[in-house]
């Protein structure tokens, strides 16, 4: 299955309206789409790992949610509860850097136009606050800052044990 991962910038004036547009896009393209606040996403590998875990959970009947997008959100946040995952990674009207996953054939340009956003993959890069994932300063000192993404991926993998 085709997985497209990219970043965007722009303002979301209403999260509710944005989610309705995403749902309509999904229906038109027969795809699964998930959007996240990019300031808590640790690069493309973070998102790709969450998608792979979510797909495997569905294949093995271990999914916690009814749809692949929500399951991906749970893995991306390394959370069991949808509410907690949304609080950690969900977009708000104040967020202007967004990470996006399209699983399927939907067009990135079409989705961006629908949401009034501009593509900007740089929002997936750079330093992020790792403490949202329960990672301590001591852990970072032990492995080094360049390995923070590995700690995030470890959290995603460990969330498998909670299923």
Protein backbone atom coordinates (compact mmCIF):
# COMPACT_ATOMS: atom_id res chain seq x y z
CA UNK A 1 0.00 0.00 0.00
CA UNK A 2 1.29 3.48 -0.87
CA UNK A 3 2.21 5.63 2.15
CA UNK A 4 2.86 9.35 1.63
CA UNK A 5 4.42 11.34 4.45
CA UNK A 6 4.93 15.09 4.25
CA UNK A 7 4.80 18.35 6.17
CA UNK A 8 2.77 21.51 5.71
CA UNK A 9 2.37 25.00 7.08
CA UNK A 10 -0.67 27.20 7.36
CA UNK A 11 -3.50 28.03 9.68
CA UNK A 12 -6.36 25.75 10.59
CA UNK A 13 -9.17 28.10 11.64
CA UNK A 14 -11.40 25.23 12.80
CA UNK A 15 -10.20 21.77 13.71
CA UNK A 16 -13.73 20.41 13.33
CA UNK A 17 -14.03 21.77 9.78
CA UNK A 18 -10.54 20.54 8.88
CA UNK A 19 -11.41 17.04 10.07
CA UNK A 20 -14.62 17.07 8.01
CA UNK A 21 -12.56 18.02 4.95
CA UNK A 22 -10.08 15.22 5.68
CA UNK A 23 -12.94 12.71 6.01
CA UNK A 24 -14.41 13.84 2.68
CA UNK A 25 -10.96 13.60 1.05
CA UNK A 26 -10.57 10.06 2.40
CA UNK A 27 -13.95 9.03 0.99
CA UNK A 28 -13.21 10.54 -2.43
CA UNK A 29 -9.77 8.93 -2.67
CA UNK A 30 -10.48 5.66 -0.83
CA UNK A 31 -7.51 6.44 1.39
CA UNK A 32 -6.68 6.84 5.05
CA UNK A 33 -5.36 10.23 6.12
CA UNK A 34 -4.05 11.39 9.47
CA UNK A 35 -2.78 14.83 10.44
CA UNK A 36 -0.59 15.68 13.43
CA UNK A 37 1.02 18.67 15.06
CA UNK A 38 4.50 18.59 13.54
CA UNK A 39 6.28 20.04 16.57
CA UNK A 40 5.95 16.64 18.27
CA UNK A 41 6.83 14.45 15.30
CA UNK A 42 10.40 13.20 15.15
CA UNK A 43 10.77 12.90 11.41
CA UNK A 44 9.46 10.68 8.65
CA UNK A 45 10.74 7.53 10.36
CA UNK A 46 8.56 8.26 13.41
CA UNK A 47 5.45 8.39 11.20
CA UNK A 48 6.43 5.47 8.97
CA UNK A 49 7.04 3.24 12.00
CA UNK A 50 3.60 4.12 13.41
CA UNK A 51 1.94 3.25 10.08
CA UNK A 52 3.75 -0.09 9.90
CA UNK A 53 2.78 -1.01 13.46
CA UNK A 54 -0.84 0.03 12.86
CA UNK A 55 -1.09 -1.98 9.65
CA UNK A 56 0.39 -5.03 11.39
CA UNK A 57 -2.05 -4.63 14.30
CA UNK A 58 -4.97 -4.75 11.85
CA UNK A 59 -3.52 -7.75 10.01
CA UNK A 60 -3.08 -9.64 13.29
CA UNK A 61 -6.40 -8.53 14.83
CA UNK A 62 -4.72 -6.60 17.66
CA UNK A 63 -6.02 -3.16 16.69
CA UNK A 64 -7.56 -1.00 19.42
CA UNK A 65 -9.50 1.26 17.07
CA UNK A 66 -11.82 0.69 14.16
CA UNK A 67 -9.84 2.65 11.59
CA UNK A 68 -6.27 2.67 10.39
CA UNK A 69 -5.84 6.43 10.84
CA UNK A 70 -6.74 6.30 14.52
CA UNK A 71 -4.61 3.21 15.04
CA UNK A 72 -1.69 5.07 13.43
CA UNK A 73 -2.31 8.00 15.78
CA UNK A 74 -2.20 5.65 18.78
CA UNK A 75 1.11 4.17 17.69
CA UNK A 76 2.59 7.53 16.74
CA UNK A 77 1.79 8.83 20.23
CA UNK A 78 2.80 5.49 21.83
CA UNK A 79 -0.49 5.68 23.73
CA UNK A 80 -3.31 3.26 24.55
CA UNK A 81 -6.06 5.84 24.85
CA UNK A 82 -7.33 7.79 21.84
CA UNK A 83 -8.04 10.85 24.01
CA UNK A 84 -4.44 10.94 25.26
CA UNK A 85 -3.07 10.47 21.74
CA UNK A 86 -5.19 13.35 20.45
CA UNK A 87 -4.05 15.58 23.32
CA UNK A 88 -0.42 14.76 22.53
CA UNK A 89 -0.42 14.91 18.72
CA UNK A 90 -3.75 16.37 17.61
CA UNK A 91 -3.88 19.65 15.76
CA UNK A 92 -5.34 22.81 17.28
CA UNK A 93 -6.19 26.21 15.88
CA UNK A 94 -2.89 27.50 17.30
CA UNK A 95 -0.77 24.99 15.38
CA UNK A 96 0.63 26.12 12.03
CA UNK A 97 3.07 23.26 11.35
CA UNK A 98 1.41 20.01 10.42
CA UNK A 99 2.63 16.50 9.63
CA UNK A 100 0.46 14.46 7.27
CA UNK A 101 0.15 10.79 6.33
CA UNK A 102 -1.88 9.56 3.38
CA UNK A 103 -2.22 5.80 3.14
CA UNK A 104 -3.51 5.02 -0.32
CA UNK A 105 -3.75 6.87 -3.60
CA UNK A 106 -4.87 10.34 -2.48
CA UNK A 107 -3.03 13.36 -3.89
CA UNK A 108 -0.88 15.42 -1.54
CA UNK A 109 -1.55 18.57 -3.57
CA UNK A 110 -5.31 18.00 -3.49
CA UNK A 111 -5.34 17.54 0.29
CA UNK A 112 -3.16 20.61 0.83
CA UNK A 113 -5.46 22.70 -1.37
CA UNK A 114 -8.52 21.37 0.45
CA UNK A 115 -7.06 22.38 3.82
CA UNK A 116 -5.54 25.65 2.58
CA UNK A 117 -2.00 24.57 3.51
CA UNK A 118 1.41 24.82 1.82
CA UNK A 119 3.77 21.88 1.58
CA UNK A 120 6.82 22.27 3.81
CA UNK A 121 8.66 19.07 4.67
CA UNK A 122 11.11 20.98 6.89
CA UNK A 123 8.50 20.92 9.70
CA UNK A 124 9.31 17.23 10.15
CA UNK A 125 12.94 18.05 10.91
CA UNK A 126 14.75 19.86 13.69
CA UNK A 127 14.81 19.64 17.45
CA UNK A 128 11.58 18.66 19.21
CA UNK A 129 10.56 18.36 22.85
CA UNK A 130 11.03 14.67 23.65
CA UNK A 131 9.57 14.96 27.16
CA UNK A 132 6.04 14.62 25.76
CA UNK A 133 6.90 10.96 25.16
CA UNK A 134 8.07 10.35 28.72
CA UNK A 135 11.72 10.42 27.75
CA UNK A 136 13.97 11.75 30.49
CA UNK A 137 17.06 13.92 30.24
CA UNK A 138 19.01 10.99 31.73
CA UNK A 139 17.94 8.72 28.84
CA UNK A 140 19.03 11.34 26.31
CA UNK A 141 22.36 11.78 28.08
CA UNK A 142 22.84 8.00 27.99
CA UNK A 143 22.26 7.64 24.24
CA UNK A 144 23.03 11.15 22.95
CA UNK A 145 20.76 13.74 21.34
CA UNK A 146 21.30 12.27 17.89
CA UNK A 147 19.48 9.09 19.06
CA UNK A 148 16.27 10.69 20.38
CA UNK A 149 14.33 9.35 17.39
CA UNK A 150 15.51 5.85 18.35
CA UNK A 151 14.01 6.40 21.82
CA UNK A 152 10.71 7.45 20.21
CA UNK A 153 10.75 4.34 18.01
CA UNK A 154 11.41 2.27 21.12
CA UNK A 155 8.34 3.81 22.78
CA UNK A 156 6.25 2.90 19.73
CA UNK A 157 7.56 -0.69 19.80
CA UNK A 158 6.97 -0.99 23.55
CA UNK A 159 3.38 0.12 23.10
CA UNK A 160 2.90 -3.28 21.37
CA UNK A 161 3.24 -4.91 24.78
CA UNK A 162 0.16 -3.03 25.98
CA UNK A 163 -2.15 -4.71 23.48
